[in-house]
Protein backbone atom coordinates (compact mmCIF):
# COMPACT_ATOMS: atom_id res chain seq x y z
CA MET A 1 94.32 106.18 45.23
CA ASP A 2 90.96 106.28 47.02
CA TYR A 3 89.68 103.03 48.58
CA GLN A 4 86.36 103.42 46.74
CA VAL A 5 88.19 103.44 43.41
CA ILE A 6 90.08 100.28 44.40
CA LEU A 7 86.86 98.55 45.49
CA HIS A 8 85.13 99.59 42.28
CA ARG A 9 87.97 98.18 40.15
CA ILE A 10 87.91 94.89 42.04
CA GLY A 11 84.12 94.71 41.72
CA GLN A 12 84.29 95.12 37.94
CA SER A 13 86.14 91.82 37.64
CA PRO A 14 84.01 88.97 39.03
CA SER A 15 87.02 86.65 39.24
CA ALA A 16 89.11 89.23 41.15
CA ALA A 17 86.17 90.02 43.44
CA LEU A 18 85.61 86.34 44.14
CA LEU A 19 89.28 85.70 44.85
CA ILE A 20 89.87 88.75 47.05
CA PHE A 21 86.55 88.98 48.90
CA GLY A 22 86.15 85.19 49.07
CA LEU A 23 89.58 84.66 50.62
CA PHE A 24 89.00 87.58 52.98
CA GLY A 25 85.57 86.12 53.85
CA TYR A 26 87.02 82.71 54.68
CA LEU A 27 89.83 84.14 56.82
CA LEU A 28 87.48 86.53 58.63
CA GLY A 29 84.90 83.77 59.06
CA SER A 30 87.60 81.60 60.63
CA LEU A 31 88.04 83.93 63.61
CA PRO A 32 86.66 81.72 66.45
CA PHE A 33 85.12 84.35 68.72
CA ALA A 34 83.00 81.82 70.67
CA ILE A 35 86.13 79.84 71.53
CA TRP A 36 88.19 82.90 72.46
CA ILE A 37 85.50 84.59 74.54
CA THR A 38 84.44 81.47 76.43
CA ARG A 39 88.06 80.58 77.12
CA ALA A 40 88.75 84.14 78.36
CA ILE A 41 85.72 84.19 80.67
CA LYS A 42 85.48 80.59 81.88
CA GLY A 43 88.79 79.00 80.91
CA VAL A 44 87.07 76.25 78.90
CA ASP A 45 86.65 75.35 75.24
CA VAL A 46 83.05 76.06 74.22
CA ARG A 47 83.14 73.00 71.95
CA ASP A 48 83.53 70.63 74.92
CA ALA A 49 79.87 70.95 75.97
CA GLY A 50 76.38 71.22 74.54
CA SER A 51 76.26 70.65 70.79
CA GLY A 52 80.05 70.58 70.53
CA HIS A 53 80.02 73.61 68.22
CA ALA A 54 81.42 77.10 68.67
CA THR A 55 78.04 78.85 68.66
CA THR A 56 76.21 81.66 70.40
CA THR A 57 73.95 79.15 72.16
CA ASN A 58 76.87 77.16 73.55
CA THR A 59 78.56 80.39 74.64
CA ILE A 60 75.40 81.43 76.52
CA ARG A 61 75.28 78.01 78.20
CA GLN A 62 78.89 78.20 79.34
CA ALA A 63 79.75 81.88 79.77
CA GLY A 64 76.42 83.68 80.12
CA PHE A 65 74.08 85.83 78.06
CA ALA A 66 76.37 88.86 77.74
CA ALA A 67 79.21 86.74 76.35
CA GLY A 68 76.78 85.06 73.96
CA LEU A 69 75.52 88.42 72.75
CA VAL A 70 79.09 89.56 72.03
CA VAL A 71 79.74 86.33 70.09
CA LEU A 72 76.50 86.81 68.12
CA VAL A 73 77.47 90.35 67.09
CA PHE A 74 80.98 89.28 66.03
CA ASP A 75 79.68 86.22 64.15
CA ILE A 76 77.19 88.37 62.24
CA ALA A 77 79.98 90.86 61.47
CA LYS A 78 82.13 88.05 60.02
CA GLY A 79 79.51 87.54 57.31
CA PHE A 80 78.57 91.19 56.93
CA VAL A 81 81.98 92.76 56.29
CA PRO A 82 83.24 90.75 53.28
CA VAL A 83 79.82 90.64 51.59
CA TYR A 84 79.27 94.36 52.16
CA LEU A 85 82.67 95.17 50.67
CA GLY A 86 81.80 93.07 47.63
CA TYR A 87 78.36 94.69 47.45
CA ILE A 88 79.67 98.27 47.49
CA ALA A 89 82.35 97.24 44.98
CA GLY A 90 79.54 96.26 42.60
CA ALA A 91 80.26 92.51 42.48
CA PRO A 92 77.47 90.44 40.89
CA GLY A 93 74.96 88.62 43.12
CA TRP A 94 76.43 85.17 42.46
CA VAL A 95 79.85 86.43 43.60
CA LEU A 96 78.29 87.86 46.76
CA GLY A 97 76.70 84.46 47.36
CA LEU A 98 80.05 82.71 47.06
CA VAL A 99 81.74 85.30 49.29
CA SER A 100 79.07 84.71 51.93
CA ALA A 101 79.50 80.94 51.55
CA ALA A 102 83.26 81.36 52.06
CA ALA A 103 82.69 83.31 55.28
CA VAL A 104 80.24 80.65 56.50
CA ALA A 105 82.71 77.90 55.56
CA GLY A 106 85.37 79.75 57.56
CA HIS A 107 83.04 79.85 60.55
CA CYS A 108 82.16 76.15 60.25
CA TRP A 109 85.70 74.97 59.50
CA PRO A 110 88.02 77.66 60.91
CA VAL A 111 91.66 77.46 59.96
CA TYR A 112 92.55 79.09 63.31
CA ALA A 113 90.72 76.44 65.41
CA LYS A 114 91.73 73.10 63.90
CA PHE A 115 88.73 73.22 61.50
CA ARG A 116 86.17 72.73 64.32
CA GLY A 117 83.79 75.67 64.43
CA GLY A 118 80.14 76.61 64.58
CA MET A 119 76.96 76.10 62.58
CA GLY A 120 77.28 79.24 60.44
CA LEU A 121 73.79 80.71 60.68
CA ALA A 122 74.76 84.02 62.31
CA THR A 123 77.56 84.48 59.78
CA ALA A 124 75.12 83.79 56.95
CA GLY A 125 72.76 86.31 58.52
CA GLY A 126 75.50 88.91 58.31
CA GLY A 127 75.65 88.33 54.56
CA TYR A 128 71.89 88.84 54.32
CA LEU A 129 72.17 92.09 56.29
CA ALA A 130 74.91 93.35 53.97
CA VAL A 131 72.81 93.14 50.83
CA PHE A 132 69.16 93.37 51.96
CA PRO A 133 68.21 93.74 55.66
CA LEU A 134 64.60 92.68 55.03
CA GLY A 135 65.96 89.33 53.83
CA PHE A 136 67.71 88.99 57.20
CA ALA A 137 64.44 89.73 59.01
CA VAL A 138 62.56 87.10 56.98
CA ALA A 139 65.26 84.47 57.62
CA LEU A 140 65.32 85.34 61.34
CA GLY A 141 61.54 84.96 61.48
CA LEU A 142 61.87 81.56 59.80
CA LEU A 143 64.53 80.52 62.34
CA LEU A 144 62.38 81.58 65.28
CA LEU A 145 59.31 79.80 63.89
CA LEU A 146 61.24 76.59 63.23
CA THR A 147 62.87 76.72 66.67
CA LEU A 148 59.44 77.00 68.31
CA VAL A 149 57.97 74.19 66.19
CA ILE A 150 60.93 71.76 66.24
CA ARG A 151 62.16 72.70 69.75
CA HIS A 152 65.76 71.98 68.77
CA SER A 153 67.90 74.97 67.81
CA ALA A 154 70.59 73.05 65.88
CA ARG A 155 68.02 71.32 63.66
CA ALA A 156 66.13 74.59 63.21
CA SER A 157 69.40 76.21 62.10
CA VAL A 158 70.01 73.58 59.44
CA PHE A 159 66.42 73.77 58.17
CA THR A 160 66.63 77.58 58.10
CA GLY A 161 69.85 77.38 56.09
CA VAL A 162 68.17 75.10 53.56
CA LEU A 163 64.80 76.89 53.38
CA ALA A 164 65.81 80.58 53.55
CA GLY A 165 66.85 80.85 49.87
CA PRO A 166 63.65 79.35 48.44
CA LEU A 167 61.56 81.41 50.89
CA LEU A 168 63.28 84.64 49.83
CA MET A 169 62.68 83.69 46.18
CA LEU A 170 59.02 83.08 46.97
CA PHE A 171 58.81 86.59 48.47
CA SER A 172 60.50 88.07 45.33
CA MET A 173 63.47 89.43 47.26
CA PRO A 174 66.39 90.92 45.29
CA ALA A 175 68.62 88.41 43.50
CA SER A 176 71.70 89.34 45.55
CA VAL A 177 70.11 88.26 48.87
CA VAL A 178 68.70 85.11 47.25
CA TRP A 179 72.20 84.20 46.02
CA VAL A 180 73.62 84.83 49.50
CA ALA A 181 70.91 82.67 51.09
CA LEU A 182 71.24 79.82 48.59
CA MET A 183 75.05 79.63 48.69
CA SER A 184 75.29 80.06 52.46
CA GLY A 185 72.49 77.53 52.92
CA LEU A 186 74.41 74.94 50.94
CA VAL A 187 77.36 75.29 53.30
CA ILE A 188 75.14 75.16 56.39
CA ALA A 189 73.32 72.07 55.11
């Protein structure tokens, strides 16, 4: 049986899609790349400095820009992969939102790292990219603007998580990316 047929069958049942892609999203989101990479390069736990979170910013502070860039790419991928699979399977927008929220929850409270993780914004961004890349660009622009205005990246991340969904609605973005932004934003907040 072809994998596309399997994905399509899963996508036709919202409850099956939510269970399968949501669980996959949480487990994938739980992979603590910032912790692993910083420990491999510097021999320290990234959560022991800075904001105390397993984030790209803390990785840059402790292990350098290249390590932070690798963490950013992997953290975005953690949100992208499960949401994209749900998207190509034809799952409804609200299911995609919950799958994205599960991946973000996995990143924030990772089962593989004693439930101490990151802030979740990059993982949420991966969900945006999976369903509507322009939504990702708008949310990234909002994050950059808020970071410049507030001058505190953690607070800007939380505000972006809360404001991205309403902003995407205001710009009449597709419902699937609005669902992803709203559900992910609830977890980030």
